[in-house]
């Protein structure tokens, strides 16, 4: 599936819920299915700066696609990074770089987060894009 198709699938899933309490519960459930990062990658280098809670993100290239794993010490944050990984993992670096993140606004996530969590969300997206830029540059050399 393309990033856009996955994002549309996520939008459809969130539209099934009537209120934000149900959506929060769903985000927490998604966090439970997060492909967890190996302990050896839980380093300061992989820690996302700007997050209220601790979030580790690790990406590696598998053929021509980037595979992300992550973890967080907060259940809601774990769900948020799970949504992002679902949208961007197993995709080509150039597709991740070009992809928009409007689906975050469409599901209303940013507006329902505290300011510090919303900043953390932006930092998570930035880190995912930075991995893609780094792998894309490496591939072109």
N, C-alpha and C. Protein backbone atom coordinates (compact mmCIF):
# COMPACT_ATOMS: atom_id res chain seq x y z
N UNK A 1 0.83 -1.19 0.00
CA UNK A 1 0.00 0.00 0.00
C UNK A 1 0.87 1.25 0.00
N UNK A 2 0.39 2.29 -0.63
CA UNK A 2 1.11 3.56 -0.61
C UNK A 2 0.87 4.27 0.73
N UNK A 3 1.69 5.26 1.01
CA UNK A 3 1.52 6.03 2.25
C UNK A 3 0.13 6.66 2.27
N UNK A 4 -0.29 7.23 1.14
CA UNK A 4 -1.60 7.89 1.05
C UNK A 4 -2.74 6.90 1.33
N UNK A 5 -2.63 5.68 0.79
CA UNK A 5 -3.67 4.66 1.02
C UNK A 5 -3.75 4.28 2.49
N UNK A 6 -2.59 4.15 3.13
CA UNK A 6 -2.56 3.82 4.56
C UNK A 6 -3.16 4.97 5.37
N UNK A 7 -2.78 6.21 5.00
CA UNK A 7 -3.31 7.38 5.71
C UNK A 7 -4.83 7.45 5.57
N UNK A 8 -5.36 7.16 4.38
CA UNK A 8 -6.82 7.17 4.17
C UNK A 8 -7.49 6.08 4.99
N UNK A 9 -6.83 4.94 5.12
CA UNK A 9 -7.35 3.85 5.94
C UNK A 9 -7.44 4.29 7.41
N UNK A 10 -6.41 4.99 7.88
CA UNK A 10 -6.39 5.49 9.26
C UNK A 10 -7.52 6.51 9.46
N UNK A 11 -7.71 7.40 8.49
CA UNK A 11 -8.80 8.39 8.56
C UNK A 11 -10.15 7.68 8.66
N UNK A 12 -10.34 6.65 7.83
CA UNK A 12 -11.60 5.89 7.86
C UNK A 12 -11.82 5.24 9.22
N UNK A 13 -10.77 4.67 9.78
CA UNK A 13 -10.89 4.02 11.09
C UNK A 13 -11.30 5.03 12.17
N UNK A 14 -10.67 6.21 12.16
CA UNK A 14 -10.99 7.21 13.17
C UNK A 14 -12.39 7.80 12.98
N UNK A 15 -12.89 7.79 11.75
CA UNK A 15 -14.23 8.35 11.51
C UNK A 15 -15.32 7.44 12.08
N UNK A 16 -14.98 6.21 12.44
CA UNK A 16 -15.97 5.29 13.01
C UNK A 16 -16.33 5.65 14.46
N UNK A 17 -15.48 6.45 15.11
CA UNK A 17 -15.70 6.77 16.52
C UNK A 17 -16.48 8.08 16.67
N UNK A 18 -17.40 8.08 17.61
CA UNK A 18 -18.26 9.24 17.83
C UNK A 18 -17.59 10.34 18.63
N UNK A 19 -16.76 9.95 19.59
CA UNK A 19 -16.17 10.98 20.44
C UNK A 19 -14.69 10.71 20.67
N UNK A 20 -14.03 11.69 21.29
CA UNK A 20 -12.58 11.59 21.45
C UNK A 20 -12.15 10.60 22.52
N UNK A 21 -13.02 10.29 23.46
CA UNK A 21 -12.64 9.27 24.45
C UNK A 21 -12.44 7.93 23.74
N UNK A 22 -13.34 7.61 22.80
CA UNK A 22 -13.21 6.37 22.03
C UNK A 22 -11.95 6.40 21.17
N UNK A 23 -11.65 7.56 20.61
CA UNK A 23 -10.44 7.68 19.78
C UNK A 23 -9.18 7.52 20.61
N UNK A 24 -9.17 8.11 21.81
CA UNK A 24 -8.02 7.94 22.70
C UNK A 24 -7.81 6.46 23.03
N UNK A 25 -8.91 5.78 23.33
CA UNK A 25 -8.83 4.35 23.64
C UNK A 25 -8.27 3.57 22.45
N UNK A 26 -8.70 3.95 21.24
CA UNK A 26 -8.22 3.29 20.03
C UNK A 26 -6.72 3.55 19.84
N UNK A 27 -6.27 4.79 20.08
CA UNK A 27 -4.85 5.13 19.96
C UNK A 27 -4.04 4.28 20.94
N UNK A 28 -4.55 4.13 22.16
CA UNK A 28 -3.86 3.32 23.16
C UNK A 28 -3.78 1.86 22.70
N UNK A 29 -4.87 1.35 22.12
CA UNK A 29 -4.88 -0.02 21.58
C UNK A 29 -3.83 -0.17 20.48
N UNK A 30 -3.75 0.82 19.59
CA UNK A 30 -2.76 0.78 18.51
C UNK A 30 -1.35 0.72 19.08
N UNK A 31 -1.13 1.42 20.18
CA UNK A 31 0.18 1.40 20.82
C UNK A 31 0.59 0.03 21.29
N UNK A 32 -0.39 -0.79 21.64
CA UNK A 32 -0.09 -2.15 22.11
C UNK A 32 0.40 -3.04 20.98
N UNK A 33 0.11 -2.66 19.73
CA UNK A 33 0.55 -3.47 18.58
C UNK A 33 1.80 -2.89 17.91
N UNK A 34 2.41 -1.90 18.55
CA UNK A 34 3.59 -1.25 18.01
C UNK A 34 4.75 -2.23 17.88
N UNK A 35 5.41 -2.26 16.69
CA UNK A 35 6.61 -3.10 16.57
C UNK A 35 7.71 -2.51 17.44
N UNK A 36 8.00 -3.16 18.55
CA UNK A 36 8.88 -2.59 19.56
C UNK A 36 10.34 -2.57 19.14
N UNK A 37 10.98 -1.52 19.53
CA UNK A 37 12.39 -1.31 19.29
C UNK A 37 13.19 -2.27 20.18
N UNK A 38 14.30 -2.78 19.66
CA UNK A 38 15.16 -3.63 20.48
C UNK A 38 15.80 -2.77 21.57
N UNK A 39 16.02 -3.39 22.72
CA UNK A 39 16.59 -2.66 23.87
C UNK A 39 17.89 -1.95 23.51
N UNK A 40 18.71 -2.57 22.64
CA UNK A 40 20.01 -1.96 22.30
C UNK A 40 19.85 -0.63 21.56
N UNK A 41 18.65 -0.36 21.01
CA UNK A 41 18.40 0.91 20.32
C UNK A 41 17.77 1.97 21.21
N UNK A 42 17.50 1.62 22.47
CA UNK A 42 16.94 2.60 23.41
C UNK A 42 18.08 3.44 23.97
N UNK A 43 18.63 4.26 23.08
CA UNK A 43 19.78 5.09 23.43
C UNK A 43 19.38 6.56 23.32
N UNK A 44 20.22 7.43 23.87
CA UNK A 44 19.97 8.88 23.77
C UNK A 44 19.95 9.32 22.31
N UNK A 45 20.73 8.65 21.49
CA UNK A 45 20.81 9.00 20.07
C UNK A 45 19.45 8.78 19.38
N UNK A 46 18.71 7.77 19.81
CA UNK A 46 17.41 7.45 19.20
C UNK A 46 16.23 8.07 19.94
N UNK A 47 16.52 8.83 20.98
CA UNK A 47 15.48 9.50 21.75
C UNK A 47 15.01 10.74 21.00
N UNK A 48 13.72 10.88 20.84
CA UNK A 48 13.19 12.03 20.11
C UNK A 48 13.16 13.24 21.05
N UNK A 49 13.84 14.29 20.63
CA UNK A 49 13.87 15.51 21.43
C UNK A 49 12.57 16.28 21.21
N UNK A 50 12.08 16.92 22.25
CA UNK A 50 10.87 17.72 22.13
C UNK A 50 9.61 16.99 22.54
N UNK A 51 9.76 15.76 23.02
CA UNK A 51 8.60 15.01 23.49
C UNK A 51 8.52 15.10 25.01
N UNK A 52 7.31 15.19 25.50
CA UNK A 52 7.06 15.25 26.94
C UNK A 52 7.48 13.93 27.59
N UNK A 53 7.14 12.82 26.93
CA UNK A 53 7.54 11.51 27.43
C UNK A 53 8.71 11.01 26.60
N UNK A 54 9.28 9.91 27.02
CA UNK A 54 10.41 9.36 26.27
C UNK A 54 9.87 8.55 25.08
N UNK A 55 10.44 8.85 23.91
CA UNK A 55 10.08 8.13 22.69
C UNK A 55 11.38 7.82 21.97
N UNK A 56 11.57 6.52 21.71
CA UNK A 56 12.74 6.11 20.94
C UNK A 56 12.27 5.68 19.56
N UNK A 57 13.00 6.10 18.54
CA UNK A 57 12.67 5.75 17.16
C UNK A 57 13.93 5.26 16.48
N UNK A 58 13.81 4.15 15.78
CA UNK A 58 14.95 3.60 15.07
C UNK A 58 14.49 3.19 13.68
N UNK A 59 15.29 3.51 12.69
CA UNK A 59 14.96 3.14 11.32
C UNK A 59 16.12 2.44 10.68
N UNK A 60 15.80 1.43 9.88
CA UNK A 60 16.86 0.80 9.11
C UNK A 60 16.36 0.47 7.72
N UNK A 61 17.31 0.43 6.80
CA UNK A 61 16.94 0.18 5.43
C UNK A 61 16.87 -1.32 5.19
N UNK A 62 15.77 -1.75 4.57
CA UNK A 62 15.57 -3.15 4.23
C UNK A 62 15.27 -3.15 2.73
N UNK A 63 16.25 -3.55 1.92
CA UNK A 63 16.20 -3.40 0.46
C UNK A 63 16.05 -1.91 0.17
N UNK A 64 14.97 -1.51 -0.50
CA UNK A 64 14.83 -0.08 -0.82
C UNK A 64 13.80 0.61 0.08
N UNK A 65 13.42 -0.05 1.16
CA UNK A 65 12.41 0.51 2.06
C UNK A 65 12.99 0.73 3.45
N UNK A 66 12.39 1.67 4.19
CA UNK A 66 12.83 1.94 5.56
C UNK A 66 11.83 1.30 6.51
N UNK A 67 12.36 0.57 7.47
CA UNK A 67 11.53 -0.09 8.48
C UNK A 67 11.80 0.60 9.81
N UNK A 68 10.72 1.08 10.43
CA UNK A 68 10.84 1.77 11.71
C UNK A 68 10.36 0.89 12.86
N UNK A 69 11.03 1.03 13.99
CA UNK A 69 10.55 0.47 15.25
C UNK A 69 10.64 1.59 16.28
N UNK A 70 9.84 1.47 17.33
CA UNK A 70 9.82 2.55 18.33
C UNK A 70 9.29 2.02 19.66
N UNK A 71 9.40 2.86 20.65
CA UNK A 71 8.80 2.57 21.96
C UNK A 71 8.66 3.90 22.69
N UNK A 72 7.80 3.89 23.68
CA UNK A 72 7.61 5.07 24.53
C UNK A 72 7.27 4.61 25.92
N UNK A 73 7.54 5.47 26.89
CA UNK A 73 7.20 5.15 28.27
C UNK A 73 5.79 5.63 28.64
N UNK A 74 5.08 6.20 27.67
CA UNK A 74 3.70 6.66 27.91
C UNK A 74 2.76 5.96 26.93
N UNK A 75 1.63 5.47 27.43
CA UNK A 75 0.75 4.66 26.58
C UNK A 75 0.13 5.44 25.43
N UNK A 76 -0.24 6.69 25.66
CA UNK A 76 -0.83 7.48 24.57
C UNK A 76 0.22 7.80 23.51
N UNK A 77 1.40 8.16 23.94
CA UNK A 77 2.48 8.47 23.02
C UNK A 77 2.87 7.24 22.21
N UNK A 78 2.83 6.08 22.83
CA UNK A 78 3.13 4.84 22.13
C UNK A 78 2.13 4.63 20.99
N UNK A 79 0.88 4.99 21.24
CA UNK A 79 -0.15 4.89 20.20
C UNK A 79 0.06 5.87 19.07
N UNK A 80 0.50 7.08 19.41
CA UNK A 80 0.74 8.10 18.39
C UNK A 80 1.89 7.68 17.48
N UNK A 81 2.98 7.20 18.05
CA UNK A 81 4.11 6.77 17.22
C UNK A 81 3.72 5.53 16.42
N UNK A 82 2.83 4.69 16.96
CA UNK A 82 2.35 3.51 16.22
C UNK A 82 1.60 3.93 14.95
N UNK A 83 0.80 4.99 15.05
CA UNK A 83 0.08 5.50 13.88
C UNK A 83 1.08 5.97 12.82
N UNK A 84 2.09 6.72 13.26
CA UNK A 84 3.09 7.24 12.32
C UNK A 84 3.89 6.11 11.67
N UNK A 85 4.26 5.12 12.47
CA UNK A 85 5.03 4.00 11.92
C UNK A 85 4.18 3.22 10.92
N UNK A 86 2.91 3.05 11.24
CA UNK A 86 2.02 2.36 10.30
C UNK A 86 1.99 3.08 8.96
N UNK A 87 1.96 4.41 8.99
CA UNK A 87 1.88 5.19 7.75
C UNK A 87 3.20 5.21 6.99
N UNK A 88 4.33 5.23 7.69
CA UNK A 88 5.61 5.48 7.02
C UNK A 88 6.59 4.32 6.98
N UNK A 89 6.38 3.27 7.78
CA UNK A 89 7.32 2.16 7.77
C UNK A 89 7.09 1.31 6.52
N UNK A 90 8.13 0.64 6.08
CA UNK A 90 8.09 -0.19 4.87
C UNK A 90 7.78 0.61 3.62
N UNK A 91 8.27 1.84 3.59
CA UNK A 91 8.09 2.72 2.43
C UNK A 91 9.46 3.17 1.95
N UNK A 92 9.52 3.60 0.70
CA UNK A 92 10.77 4.11 0.14
C UNK A 92 11.06 5.49 0.72
N UNK A 93 12.36 5.77 0.90
CA UNK A 93 12.79 7.05 1.48
C UNK A 93 12.19 8.23 0.72
N UNK A 94 12.25 8.20 -0.60
CA UNK A 94 11.74 9.34 -1.39
C UNK A 94 10.24 9.53 -1.19
N UNK A 95 9.50 8.45 -0.98
CA UNK A 95 8.05 8.56 -0.74
C UNK A 95 7.76 9.17 0.63
N UNK A 96 8.58 8.80 1.61
CA UNK A 96 8.42 9.37 2.96
C UNK A 96 8.72 10.86 2.93
N UNK A 97 9.77 11.24 2.22
CA UNK A 97 10.17 12.65 2.13
C UNK A 97 9.04 13.47 1.49
N UNK A 98 8.43 12.94 0.43
CA UNK A 98 7.40 13.67 -0.32
C UNK A 98 6.03 13.64 0.37
N UNK A 99 5.82 12.67 1.26
CA UNK A 99 4.49 12.47 1.85
C UNK A 99 4.07 13.65 2.73
N UNK A 100 2.78 13.98 2.65
CA UNK A 100 2.27 15.01 3.55
C UNK A 100 1.73 14.32 4.81
N UNK A 101 1.44 15.11 5.80
CA UNK A 101 0.92 14.56 7.06
C UNK A 101 -0.45 15.16 7.37
N UNK A 102 -1.18 15.52 6.33
CA UNK A 102 -2.51 16.11 6.54
C UNK A 102 -3.46 15.17 7.25
N UNK A 103 -3.22 13.86 7.13
CA UNK A 103 -4.11 12.90 7.78
C UNK A 103 -4.16 13.11 9.29
N UNK A 104 -3.07 13.64 9.87
CA UNK A 104 -3.04 13.95 11.31
C UNK A 104 -4.11 14.99 11.64
N UNK A 105 -4.20 16.02 10.77
CA UNK A 105 -5.21 17.06 10.97
C UNK A 105 -6.61 16.51 10.69
N UNK A 106 -6.70 15.65 9.67
CA UNK A 106 -8.02 15.11 9.30
C UNK A 106 -8.63 14.24 10.39
N UNK A 107 -7.78 13.52 11.14
CA UNK A 107 -8.35 12.73 12.24
C UNK A 107 -8.48 13.58 13.51
N UNK A 108 -7.97 14.83 13.44
CA UNK A 108 -8.13 15.75 14.56
C UNK A 108 -7.17 15.52 15.70
N UNK A 109 -6.11 14.79 15.42
CA UNK A 109 -5.21 14.39 16.50
C UNK A 109 -4.51 15.59 17.15
N UNK A 110 -3.89 16.44 16.33
CA UNK A 110 -3.10 17.53 16.89
C UNK A 110 -3.94 18.46 17.77
N UNK A 111 -5.18 18.74 17.35
CA UNK A 111 -6.01 19.67 18.12
C UNK A 111 -6.52 19.07 19.43
N UNK A 112 -6.44 17.74 19.56
CA UNK A 112 -6.89 17.09 20.79
C UNK A 112 -5.75 16.69 21.71
N UNK A 113 -4.55 17.17 21.39
CA UNK A 113 -3.40 16.88 22.24
C UNK A 113 -3.01 18.14 23.01
N UNK A 114 -2.37 17.92 24.13
CA UNK A 114 -1.84 19.07 24.87
C UNK A 114 -0.74 19.70 24.00
N UNK A 115 -0.38 20.94 24.30
CA UNK A 115 0.64 21.63 23.51
C UNK A 115 1.96 20.86 23.48
N UNK A 116 2.35 20.30 24.63
CA UNK A 116 3.62 19.57 24.67
C UNK A 116 3.53 18.27 23.87
N UNK A 117 2.38 17.60 23.92
CA UNK A 117 2.22 16.37 23.12
C UNK A 117 2.17 16.70 21.63
N UNK A 118 1.52 17.81 21.27
CA UNK A 118 1.46 18.23 19.86
C UNK A 118 2.87 18.54 19.35
N UNK A 119 3.69 19.19 20.19
CA UNK A 119 5.08 19.45 19.82
C UNK A 119 5.84 18.13 19.64
N UNK A 120 5.57 17.19 20.51
CA UNK A 120 6.19 15.86 20.41
C UNK A 120 5.81 15.17 19.11
N UNK A 121 4.55 15.30 18.72
CA UNK A 121 4.06 14.72 17.47
C UNK A 121 4.84 15.29 16.29
N UNK A 122 5.02 16.60 16.28
CA UNK A 122 5.78 17.27 15.21
C UNK A 122 7.23 16.75 15.21
N UNK A 123 7.81 16.58 16.39
CA UNK A 123 9.18 16.06 16.49
C UNK A 123 9.28 14.63 15.97
N UNK A 124 8.26 13.81 16.24
CA UNK A 124 8.26 12.43 15.75
C UNK A 124 8.26 12.41 14.22
N UNK A 125 7.39 13.24 13.62
CA UNK A 125 7.30 13.32 12.16
C UNK A 125 8.64 13.80 11.60
N UNK A 126 9.23 14.80 12.24
CA UNK A 126 10.50 15.35 11.78
C UNK A 126 11.59 14.27 11.80
N UNK A 127 11.62 13.47 12.87
CA UNK A 127 12.62 12.40 12.96
C UNK A 127 12.44 11.35 11.87
N UNK A 128 11.19 10.99 11.59
CA UNK A 128 10.91 10.02 10.53
C UNK A 128 11.41 10.57 9.19
N UNK A 129 11.12 11.84 8.93
CA UNK A 129 11.57 12.48 7.68
C UNK A 129 13.10 12.57 7.63
N UNK A 130 13.74 12.83 8.77
CA UNK A 130 15.20 12.91 8.81
C UNK A 130 15.84 11.56 8.47
N UNK A 131 15.27 10.47 8.99
CA UNK A 131 15.75 9.14 8.62
C UNK A 131 15.65 8.95 7.11
N UNK A 132 14.51 9.34 6.55
CA UNK A 132 14.29 9.18 5.11
C UNK A 132 15.30 10.00 4.31
N UNK A 133 15.54 11.24 4.75
CA UNK A 133 16.53 12.08 4.06
C UNK A 133 17.93 11.47 4.13
N UNK A 134 18.28 10.95 5.29
CA UNK A 134 19.61 10.34 5.47
C UNK A 134 19.77 9.11 4.58
N UNK A 135 18.77 8.23 4.56
CA UNK A 135 18.86 7.03 3.73
C UNK A 135 18.83 7.39 2.25
N UNK A 136 18.03 8.39 1.89
CA UNK A 136 17.95 8.83 0.50
C UNK A 136 19.31 9.36 0.04
N UNK A 137 19.96 10.16 0.87
CA UNK A 137 21.29 10.70 0.53
C UNK A 137 22.31 9.59 0.40
N UNK A 138 22.23 8.61 1.31
CA UNK A 138 23.17 7.48 1.29
C UNK A 138 22.97 6.65 0.02
N UNK A 139 21.71 6.48 -0.38
CA UNK A 139 21.40 5.68 -1.57
C UNK A 139 21.92 6.33 -2.85
N UNK A 140 21.98 7.65 -2.85
CA UNK A 140 22.40 8.37 -4.05
C UNK A 140 23.92 8.42 -4.20
N UNK A 141 24.65 8.05 -3.13
CA UNK A 141 26.12 8.06 -3.19
C UNK A 141 26.65 6.77 -3.76
